Amino acid sequence: MYDIVQDKQLLHAALEVARRSLQNGNLPFGCILTDADGHVIEEGENTVVSAQDSIAHCEINLVLQIAGKYDSKFLESCSVYASTEPCPMCAAAIFWSGIGRIVFALSKEAYHSIAGTTNSAHLFDISCDKLLSYGKRTVKVYGPC
């Protein structure tokens, strides 16, 4: 089963990717993909600013990186560790990629509170867990942690 100590360590790794994203001039979002044993196999960094691409969220970049590399059975046993709760676009990408589990550090509300981002035009008020509950494949969601 899953180990909360290992989950916290892996969330710290995702936060380091988010820190690197910020250092590279982007928004502070990052994620990692681990196999069932907790080995990091991919990282996703936010590149919205540097790529001038509004959908270059860290999870989207991660899903694009893994496209065609792994089979669905393997991905079902993998986990995404994200610095913040995936937005609806990213949650859907994770769903369609076949990844089986999401663990995130900050909720969307906590992030927006800390960052002072209150532009209502960019808020999509549905939780990752709620959105994924509409899918016919189970994606386990844990967070905020």
Protein backbone atom coordinates (compact mmCIF):
# COMPACT_ATOMS: atom_id res chain seq x y z
CA MET A 1 0.00 0.00 0.00
CA TYR A 2 1.01 3.65 0.17
CA ASP A 3 3.39 5.08 2.73
CA ILE A 4 2.56 8.56 4.07
CA VAL A 5 6.23 9.25 4.86
CA GLN A 6 7.20 8.39 1.30
CA ASP A 7 4.29 10.46 -0.03
CA LYS A 8 5.55 13.50 1.90
CA GLN A 9 9.09 13.01 0.59
CA LEU A 10 7.79 12.76 -2.95
CA LEU A 11 5.65 15.88 -2.49
CA HIS A 12 8.83 17.69 -1.44
CA ALA A 13 10.41 16.54 -4.71
CA ALA A 14 7.43 17.98 -6.62
CA LEU A 15 7.83 21.24 -4.70
CA GLU A 16 11.49 21.36 -5.78
CA VAL A 17 10.35 21.10 -9.40
CA ALA A 18 7.94 23.98 -8.67
CA ARG A 19 10.83 26.01 -7.23
CA ARG A 20 12.86 25.33 -10.38
CA SER A 21 9.89 26.45 -12.48
CA LEU A 22 9.81 29.75 -10.59
CA GLN A 23 13.58 30.18 -11.01
CA ASN A 24 13.08 29.69 -14.74
CA GLY A 25 10.62 32.59 -14.84
CA ASN A 26 7.42 30.57 -14.75
CA LEU A 27 4.65 30.08 -12.24
CA PRO A 28 5.64 27.93 -9.22
CA PHE A 29 4.04 24.66 -10.23
CA GLY A 30 5.76 21.31 -10.53
CA CYS A 31 4.99 17.62 -10.49
CA ILE A 32 6.67 14.24 -10.68
CA LEU A 33 5.56 10.83 -11.85
CA THR A 34 6.57 7.80 -9.82
CA ASP A 35 6.25 4.11 -10.40
CA ALA A 36 4.50 1.82 -7.88
CA ASP A 37 7.71 1.60 -5.81
CA GLY A 38 8.05 5.37 -5.52
CA HIS A 39 10.89 5.77 -8.01
CA VAL A 40 10.72 9.10 -9.85
CA ILE A 41 10.49 8.39 -13.57
CA GLU A 42 9.47 11.79 -14.99
CA GLU A 43 9.19 15.43 -13.91
CA GLY A 44 6.87 18.13 -15.18
CA GLU A 45 7.67 21.80 -14.87
CA ASN A 46 5.29 24.68 -15.57
CA THR A 47 6.39 26.56 -18.71
CA VAL A 48 3.41 28.87 -19.29
CA VAL A 49 5.50 32.05 -19.30
CA SER A 50 8.70 30.85 -20.96
CA ALA A 51 6.85 28.95 -23.69
CA GLN A 52 4.17 31.63 -24.03
CA ASP A 53 1.67 28.78 -23.89
CA SER A 54 -1.31 29.16 -21.57
CA ILE A 55 -1.83 25.40 -21.34
CA ALA A 56 1.80 24.48 -20.55
CA HIS A 57 0.90 23.52 -16.98
CA CYS A 58 3.29 21.13 -15.26
CA GLU A 59 0.88 18.18 -15.46
CA ILE A 60 0.18 18.78 -19.16
CA ASN A 61 3.93 18.90 -19.83
CA LEU A 62 4.36 15.68 -17.85
CA VAL A 63 1.59 13.87 -19.75
CA LEU A 64 3.09 15.00 -23.05
CA GLN A 65 6.50 13.67 -21.97
CA ILE A 66 5.13 10.21 -21.17
CA ALA A 67 3.01 9.88 -24.32
CA GLY A 68 3.88 6.59 -25.99
CA LYS A 69 6.58 5.65 -23.46
CA TYR A 70 4.59 3.46 -21.07
CA ASP A 71 1.66 1.07 -21.39
CA SER A 72 -1.65 1.62 -19.62
CA LYS A 73 -1.15 -1.20 -17.12
CA PHE A 74 2.10 0.37 -15.93
CA LEU A 75 0.62 3.89 -15.77
CA GLU A 76 -2.34 2.63 -13.73
CA SER A 77 0.16 1.77 -10.97
CA CYS A 78 1.88 5.18 -11.16
CA SER A 79 1.31 8.31 -9.10
CA VAL A 80 1.53 12.00 -9.94
CA TYR A 81 2.79 14.14 -7.07
CA ALA A 82 1.87 17.77 -7.66
CA SER A 83 2.73 20.98 -5.86
CA THR A 84 -0.92 22.05 -6.06
CA GLU A 85 -4.25 20.48 -6.86
CA PRO A 86 -4.45 19.87 -10.61
CA CYS A 87 -6.83 22.16 -12.48
CA PRO A 88 -9.69 20.56 -14.46
CA MET A 89 -7.64 20.53 -17.68
CA CYS A 90 -4.72 18.79 -15.99
CA ALA A 91 -6.93 16.37 -14.05
CA ALA A 92 -8.57 15.35 -17.32
CA ALA A 93 -5.16 14.89 -18.98
CA ILE A 94 -4.06 12.68 -16.09
CA PHE A 95 -7.30 10.71 -16.41
CA TRP A 96 -6.86 10.17 -20.16
CA SER A 97 -3.16 9.31 -19.79
CA GLY A 98 -4.05 6.29 -17.64
CA ILE A 99 -2.20 7.36 -14.48
CA GLY A 100 -3.87 5.83 -11.43
CA ARG A 101 -3.18 8.18 -8.54
CA ILE A 102 -2.75 11.89 -7.75
CA VAL A 103 -1.25 13.27 -4.54
CA PHE A 104 -1.07 17.05 -4.15
CA ALA A 105 0.31 19.46 -1.58
CA LEU A 106 -1.79 22.65 -1.71
CA SER A 107 -5.46 22.99 -2.52
CA LYS A 108 -6.41 25.48 -5.23
CA GLU A 109 -7.91 27.72 -2.57
CA ALA A 110 -4.73 27.71 -0.47
CA TYR A 111 -2.59 28.47 -3.51
CA HIS A 112 -4.79 31.39 -4.60
CA SER A 113 -4.80 32.72 -1.05
CA ILE A 114 -1.00 32.61 -0.81
CA ALA A 115 -0.38 33.90 -4.33
CA GLY A 116 -3.07 36.57 -4.15
CA THR A 117 -4.50 35.43 -7.47
CA THR A 118 -8.10 36.43 -7.48
CA ASN A 119 -8.84 36.90 -11.19
CA SER A 120 -12.22 35.18 -11.34
CA ALA A 121 -11.89 34.78 -15.11
CA HIS A 122 -9.18 32.17 -14.48
CA LEU A 123 -10.91 30.19 -11.75
CA PHE A 124 -12.67 26.91 -12.50
CA ASP A 125 -14.46 25.98 -9.31
CA ILE A 126 -14.47 22.19 -9.26
CA SER A 127 -12.13 20.00 -7.27
CA CYS A 128 -9.88 17.48 -8.96
CA ASP A 129 -11.55 14.66 -7.02
CA LYS A 130 -15.06 15.81 -7.99
CA LEU A 131 -14.17 16.15 -11.66
CA LEU A 132 -12.55 12.71 -11.77
CA SER A 133 -15.57 11.13 -10.08
CA TYR A 134 -17.41 11.58 -13.39
CA GLY A 135 -14.94 9.34 -15.20
CA LYS A 136 -15.53 5.63 -15.69
CA ARG A 137 -11.98 4.81 -14.60
CA THR A 138 -10.91 5.31 -10.99
CA VAL A 139 -8.12 7.77 -10.29
CA LYS A 140 -7.34 7.94 -6.58
CA VAL A 141 -6.85 11.50 -5.31
CA TYR A 142 -5.14 12.43 -2.03
CA GLY A 143 -4.77 15.99 -0.87
CA PRO A 144 -4.24 18.56 0.23
CA CYS A 145 -1.34 17.01 2.09
